[in-house]
């Protein structure tokens, strides 16, 4: 049997996977379960993983997979609409690589003619146009996004509160942050307790895309 919080978290993760093929961030889990800190989320996730209700997929940000439910004991969560599985070796997509994006304070969004080949599975099965950006900075480390990672982004101009987005500020500076709407302002939240949120009037911020995957290279 699972505890009430463990069961709530398992159902929340599965709902988010059904909705978009991407598991929720630890910040979103904390808010959904009304916990005071992300350390409580880590304990719940570890407990679910140890009891083989979920597993973490390697080399991906926010990569959790629901394996079974306590009610049925099914080997797989068949209700999920978008499977998250490793891509075949030859299932590779080439994305335009548009320079660097800050995971700290906003920096200029660079354009380039470079490209990046990525496994299709890292895009989470989402339709539409995608691009890649190299992460610069450490303000999203608590979301598993590190300096030097490649953010894989689905182009869009709207996003829900709590999603990680590429936000263009004043039409010339881009940053990677959690998007939230707060008291008539756009708030761009970091995932690092050493950083503070950035607040802007809505007309100053345009969503350029949302994070759907992450690529990390080990030298």
Protein backbone atom coordinates (compact mmCIF):
# COMPACT_ATOMS: atom_id res chain seq x y z
CA UNK A 1 0.00 0.00 0.00
CA UNK A 2 1.04 3.57 -0.67
CA UNK A 3 0.67 6.45 1.73
CA UNK A 4 -1.87 9.10 0.79
CA UNK A 5 0.82 11.54 -0.40
CA UNK A 6 2.62 8.85 -2.38
CA UNK A 7 -0.64 7.94 -4.11
CA UNK A 8 -1.44 11.59 -4.82
CA UNK A 9 1.99 12.12 -6.33
CA UNK A 10 1.75 8.99 -8.49
CA UNK A 11 -1.62 10.12 -9.87
CA UNK A 12 -0.35 13.67 -10.49
CA UNK A 13 2.69 12.42 -12.40
CA UNK A 14 0.51 10.15 -14.53
CA UNK A 15 -1.98 12.96 -15.27
CA UNK A 16 0.81 15.25 -16.49
CA UNK A 17 2.28 12.49 -18.65
CA UNK A 18 -1.13 11.90 -20.21
CA UNK A 19 -1.60 15.60 -20.86
CA UNK A 20 1.70 16.34 -22.56
CA UNK A 21 4.16 13.47 -22.36
CA UNK A 22 6.42 15.36 -19.91
CA UNK A 23 6.54 14.64 -16.20
CA UNK A 24 6.07 17.58 -13.81
CA UNK A 25 8.96 19.44 -12.24
CA UNK A 26 9.75 19.08 -8.56
CA UNK A 27 8.42 22.60 -8.03
CA UNK A 28 5.11 21.65 -9.65
CA UNK A 29 4.93 18.48 -7.53
CA UNK A 30 5.55 20.52 -4.38
CA UNK A 31 2.75 22.93 -5.25
CA UNK A 32 0.31 20.19 -6.30
CA UNK A 33 0.78 18.29 -3.04
CA UNK A 34 0.87 21.46 -0.92
CA UNK A 35 4.28 20.60 0.52
CA UNK A 36 6.53 23.17 2.18
CA UNK A 37 9.77 22.13 0.52
CA UNK A 38 11.10 20.08 -2.38
CA UNK A 39 12.91 17.78 0.03
CA UNK A 40 9.52 16.21 0.77
CA UNK A 41 9.00 15.67 -2.96
CA UNK A 42 12.40 13.98 -3.25
CA UNK A 43 11.46 11.57 -0.45
CA UNK A 44 8.15 10.70 -2.11
CA UNK A 45 9.73 10.21 -5.53
CA UNK A 46 12.47 8.00 -4.03
CA UNK A 47 9.86 5.93 -2.21
CA UNK A 48 7.82 5.40 -5.39
CA UNK A 49 10.97 4.50 -7.30
CA UNK A 50 12.16 2.04 -4.65
CA UNK A 51 8.75 0.32 -4.73
CA UNK A 52 8.86 0.23 -8.54
CA UNK A 53 5.80 2.37 -9.19
CA UNK A 54 7.90 4.81 -11.24
CA UNK A 55 11.34 4.93 -12.78
CA UNK A 56 13.67 7.71 -13.83
CA UNK A 57 14.73 7.80 -17.47
CA UNK A 58 18.46 8.58 -17.87
CA UNK A 59 19.87 11.70 -19.52
CA UNK A 60 16.57 13.57 -19.61
CA UNK A 61 15.20 16.46 -17.60
CA UNK A 62 11.96 15.83 -15.74
CA UNK A 63 12.02 12.23 -17.00
CA UNK A 64 9.78 9.97 -14.91
CA UNK A 65 7.79 7.00 -16.15
CA UNK A 66 4.83 5.43 -14.35
CA UNK A 67 5.27 1.64 -14.31
CA UNK A 68 2.19 0.50 -12.44
CA UNK A 69 -0.63 1.50 -10.13
CA UNK A 70 -1.39 0.05 -6.68
CA UNK A 71 -4.98 -0.80 -7.66
CA UNK A 72 -4.12 -3.04 -10.59
CA UNK A 73 -0.46 -3.92 -10.26
CA UNK A 74 -0.24 -3.59 -14.04
CA UNK A 75 3.24 -3.84 -15.47
CA UNK A 76 2.80 -0.57 -17.35
CA UNK A 77 0.59 2.51 -17.08
CA UNK A 78 -1.43 1.85 -20.22
CA UNK A 79 -3.58 4.94 -19.91
CA UNK A 80 -0.73 7.26 -20.75
CA UNK A 81 -1.20 8.66 -24.24
CA UNK A 82 2.39 9.56 -25.10
CA UNK A 83 4.93 6.82 -24.35
CA UNK A 84 8.30 8.03 -23.16
CA UNK A 85 10.81 5.45 -24.40
CA UNK A 86 14.36 5.62 -25.72
CA UNK A 87 14.51 6.29 -29.43
CA UNK A 88 15.91 3.77 -31.85
CA UNK A 89 19.51 4.49 -32.82
CA UNK A 90 18.46 5.68 -36.27
CA UNK A 91 15.52 7.77 -35.03
CA UNK A 92 17.36 11.09 -34.97
CA UNK A 93 16.08 14.59 -35.69
CA UNK A 94 18.26 17.58 -36.61
CA UNK A 95 17.23 20.79 -34.88
CA UNK A 96 18.46 24.33 -35.49
CA UNK A 97 20.77 25.40 -32.67
CA UNK A 98 20.08 29.05 -31.88
CA UNK A 99 23.06 29.95 -29.71
CA UNK A 100 22.96 30.32 -25.93
CA UNK A 101 20.17 31.07 -23.51
CA UNK A 102 20.59 32.19 -19.93
CA UNK A 103 19.54 30.10 -17.00
CA UNK A 104 20.59 33.03 -14.83
CA UNK A 105 20.02 36.68 -15.65
CA UNK A 106 18.80 37.30 -19.20
CA UNK A 107 21.44 37.43 -21.92
CA UNK A 108 21.13 38.24 -25.58
CA UNK A 109 19.59 35.41 -27.57
CA UNK A 110 22.13 34.50 -30.21
CA UNK A 111 21.23 33.25 -33.68
CA UNK A 112 23.46 30.89 -35.63
CA UNK A 113 23.41 28.49 -38.54
CA UNK A 114 24.51 25.55 -36.39
CA UNK A 115 22.38 22.45 -35.88
CA UNK A 116 22.09 19.69 -33.27
CA UNK A 117 21.13 16.06 -33.88
CA UNK A 118 18.98 14.62 -31.08
CA UNK A 119 17.07 11.37 -30.48
CA UNK A 120 13.42 11.89 -31.40
CA UNK A 121 12.31 10.47 -28.04
CA UNK A 122 13.80 13.50 -26.26
CA UNK A 123 11.10 15.65 -27.84
CA UNK A 124 8.42 13.74 -25.95
CA UNK A 125 6.39 12.91 -29.05
CA UNK A 126 5.15 16.48 -29.33
CA UNK A 127 4.11 17.83 -32.72
CA UNK A 128 5.15 21.17 -34.15
CA UNK A 129 8.43 22.95 -34.76
CA UNK A 130 11.35 22.55 -32.39
CA UNK A 131 14.76 24.16 -31.85
CA UNK A 132 17.68 23.84 -29.46
CA UNK A 133 19.50 26.32 -27.24
CA UNK A 134 22.68 25.92 -25.22
CA UNK A 135 22.10 26.67 -21.53
CA UNK A 136 24.35 29.22 -19.87
CA UNK A 137 24.18 29.65 -16.10
CA UNK A 138 23.06 27.73 -13.03
CA UNK A 139 19.74 29.18 -11.94
CA UNK A 140 17.75 26.14 -13.13
CA UNK A 141 19.90 23.48 -11.47
CA UNK A 142 17.11 22.40 -9.08
CA UNK A 143 15.09 21.47 -12.18
CA UNK A 144 17.99 19.34 -13.41
CA UNK A 145 19.11 21.89 -16.03
CA UNK A 146 22.86 22.53 -15.89
CA UNK A 147 25.27 24.93 -17.52
CA UNK A 148 26.26 23.52 -20.91
CA UNK A 149 23.12 21.42 -21.38
CA UNK A 150 21.10 21.74 -24.57
CA UNK A 151 17.49 22.79 -24.02
CA UNK A 152 15.12 21.25 -26.57
CA UNK A 153 12.24 23.63 -27.12
CA UNK A 154 8.88 23.37 -28.84
CA UNK A 155 7.93 26.63 -30.52
CA UNK A 156 4.79 28.22 -29.08
CA UNK A 157 3.59 31.65 -28.01
CA UNK A 158 1.54 30.64 -24.96
CA UNK A 159 2.24 28.52 -21.90
CA UNK A 160 0.58 27.48 -18.68
CA UNK A 161 1.67 28.68 -15.27
CA UNK A 162 4.47 26.51 -13.95
CA UNK A 163 5.88 25.47 -17.33
CA UNK A 164 9.54 26.07 -18.17
CA UNK A 165 9.65 28.46 -21.11
CA UNK A 166 11.97 30.44 -23.33
CA UNK A 167 10.86 33.98 -22.54
CA UNK A 168 11.94 36.91 -24.70
CA UNK A 169 12.23 40.09 -22.65
CA UNK A 170 11.98 43.49 -24.37
CA UNK A 171 12.32 41.74 -27.76
CA UNK A 172 16.10 41.19 -27.48
CA UNK A 173 16.99 39.15 -24.39
CA UNK A 174 15.99 35.56 -23.75
CA UNK A 175 15.92 33.51 -20.58
CA UNK A 176 14.89 30.01 -19.52
CA UNK A 177 12.61 30.09 -16.49
CA UNK A 178 9.37 28.89 -14.93
CA UNK A 179 6.52 31.10 -16.16
CA UNK A 180 3.98 32.39 -13.67
CA UNK A 181 1.37 35.15 -13.75
CA UNK A 182 1.21 37.08 -10.50
CA UNK A 183 -0.81 40.21 -9.67
CA UNK A 184 -0.93 41.49 -13.22
CA UNK A 185 2.76 40.82 -13.86
CA UNK A 186 4.74 38.10 -15.58
CA UNK A 187 7.04 36.40 -13.09
CA UNK A 188 9.99 34.37 -14.34
CA UNK A 189 11.07 32.04 -11.55
CA UNK A 190 14.48 30.36 -11.26
CA UNK A 191 15.02 26.86 -9.87
CA UNK A 192 17.87 27.85 -7.58
CA UNK A 193 17.34 29.31 -4.12
CA UNK A 194 20.31 31.64 -4.67
CA UNK A 195 18.38 33.55 -7.35
CA UNK A 196 15.31 35.77 -7.12
CA UNK A 197 12.33 35.89 -9.44
CA UNK A 198 12.27 38.40 -12.29
CA UNK A 199 9.08 40.46 -12.66
CA UNK A 200 7.95 42.26 -15.80
CA UNK A 201 4.91 44.01 -17.18
CA UNK A 202 3.10 41.58 -19.52
CA UNK A 203 3.87 43.60 -22.66
CA UNK A 204 7.61 43.20 -22.04
CA UNK A 205 7.60 39.38 -22.18
CA UNK A 206 6.85 37.07 -25.11
CA UNK A 207 6.87 33.30 -24.87
CA UNK A 208 9.02 31.81 -27.63
CA UNK A 209 8.65 28.15 -26.71
CA UNK A 210 8.44 25.63 -23.89
CA UNK A 211 10.99 23.09 -22.72
CA UNK A 212 10.22 19.53 -23.85
CA UNK A 213 13.60 17.83 -23.45
CA UNK A 214 17.21 18.16 -22.44
CA UNK A 215 20.42 16.84 -23.97
CA UNK A 216 23.62 16.53 -21.94
CA UNK A 217 27.00 15.63 -23.36
CA UNK A 218 29.73 14.05 -21.26
CA UNK A 219 33.28 14.70 -22.41
